[in-house]
Amino acid sequence: MSTATVRLLALLVAIEKLSENPDHIKRISPIAYLEKNAILSLI
């Protein structure tokens, strides 16, 4: 698997966690939070 694929899978997991508790991941990783917003804006 390419690095991009692995990152995308990790982000999809992060998005699932975000939908459960958005403030939690924002505290842990602002970058992951921004990446999630970027992906959702593309969908």
Protein backbone atom coordinates (compact mmCIF):
# COMPACT_ATOMS: atom_id res chain seq x y z
CA MET A 1 0.00 0.00 0.00
CA SER A 2 1.22 3.47 -0.78
CA THR A 3 1.73 6.08 1.90
CA ALA A 4 -1.16 8.11 0.48
CA THR A 5 -3.50 5.14 0.84
CA VAL A 6 -2.43 4.55 4.42
CA ARG A 7 -2.90 8.24 5.24
CA LEU A 8 -6.35 8.25 3.67
CA LEU A 9 -7.40 5.21 5.70
CA ALA A 10 -6.07 6.85 8.86
CA LEU A 11 -8.02 10.01 8.05
CA LEU A 12 -11.20 8.05 7.47
CA VAL A 13 -10.80 6.52 10.92
CA ALA A 14 -10.17 9.99 12.32
CA ILE A 15 -13.34 11.25 10.62
CA GLU A 16 -15.34 8.46 12.26
CA LYS A 17 -13.94 9.46 15.64
CA LEU A 18 -14.66 13.11 14.86
CA SER A 19 -18.30 12.37 14.23
CA GLU A 20 -18.45 10.83 17.70
CA ASN A 21 -16.58 13.56 19.56
CA PRO A 22 -15.28 16.53 17.52
CA ASP A 23 -13.72 18.45 20.41
CA HIS A 24 -11.64 15.47 21.48
CA ILE A 25 -9.65 15.23 18.25
CA LYS A 26 -9.36 19.00 17.94
CA ARG A 27 -7.46 19.01 21.23
CA ILE A 28 -5.28 16.07 20.21
CA SER A 29 -4.45 17.07 16.65
CA PRO A 30 -5.42 20.38 15.08
CA ILE A 31 -3.79 19.20 11.85
CA ALA A 32 -5.95 16.09 11.66
CA TYR A 33 -8.95 18.30 12.32
CA LEU A 34 -8.00 20.58 9.43
CA GLU A 35 -7.32 17.62 7.13
CA LYS A 36 -10.76 16.22 7.97
CA ASN A 37 -12.36 19.55 7.07
CA ALA A 38 -10.41 19.63 3.80
CA ILE A 39 -11.56 16.13 2.88
CA LEU A 40 -15.18 16.85 3.74
CA SER A 41 -15.06 19.99 1.59
CA LEU A 42 -13.93 17.81 -1.35
CA ILE A 43 -16.71 15.26 -0.94
